[in-house]
Amino acid sequence: MRYFACILIFLFLAFPSALMGTSRQFEDKIYDPGPLVPKDSRLKVFKGDKAPDFTLRSVSGKRVTLSDFRGKQNLLLSFVPAAWTPVCSDQWPGYNIAKPLFEQKQTLLLGITVDNIPTLFAWTQQMGNLWFEVLSDFWPHGKVANAYGVLRTDGTAERALILVDKQGIIQWTHVSDINIRPDLGMIIQALDRLD
């Protein structure tokens, strides 16, 4: 596990544009909001808390409920601010190469934004195949993001990661500067601590 993780981290450091530069492939469709306030919300969940349950629609047409995974899989919730923006369009495709790590840790990734399903459908089609479900927190707008304390005052979500174990307990949280893609290495470290 650790050897494989080291290889992945090396690849991310050596070839960041190749692995996480998807937005460059469709840059004429990307809206760049420019620099934003790094963080604009107050986290409401912490390590040791029971993860607030939710049911959201996915781009694939499923209704995904967090509590359905209890006793089966760990979950990494990846909130991103908005579709069709540069950092978000690079972050999720970059997780494709890390899929084996998530599988080894029996962890499923769930991507969440406050965009509506048609928008997410068009965006994810443009990004290519993502191995994880992408969920819409559009209506009631940002209800789940708000429950976790990652809804910004402009109605978008923070760039946040919430790791939930098989018992539904939060084991790790990270809210990034919204302008910066989270480092894969810290995700790997958080997954390692699940053992």
Foldseek 3Di string as FASTA:
>chain_A
DVVVLVVLLVCCVVPVCVQQVLCVVVVVQADEPDADFQAAWDFDADFFDQQDWDWFAWLVGDTDIPLVQAPPAKEKEWFAFDFRHGQVLRQQSNCQVVVVLCVVLRYAYEYEWQDDNVRVNVRVVSSPDGPHTYTHCNVVQCPSLVNRTQQGPVRTGFRKIWIAGNNRGTHDIDGGRNVDHDRVVVVSVSSVVVD
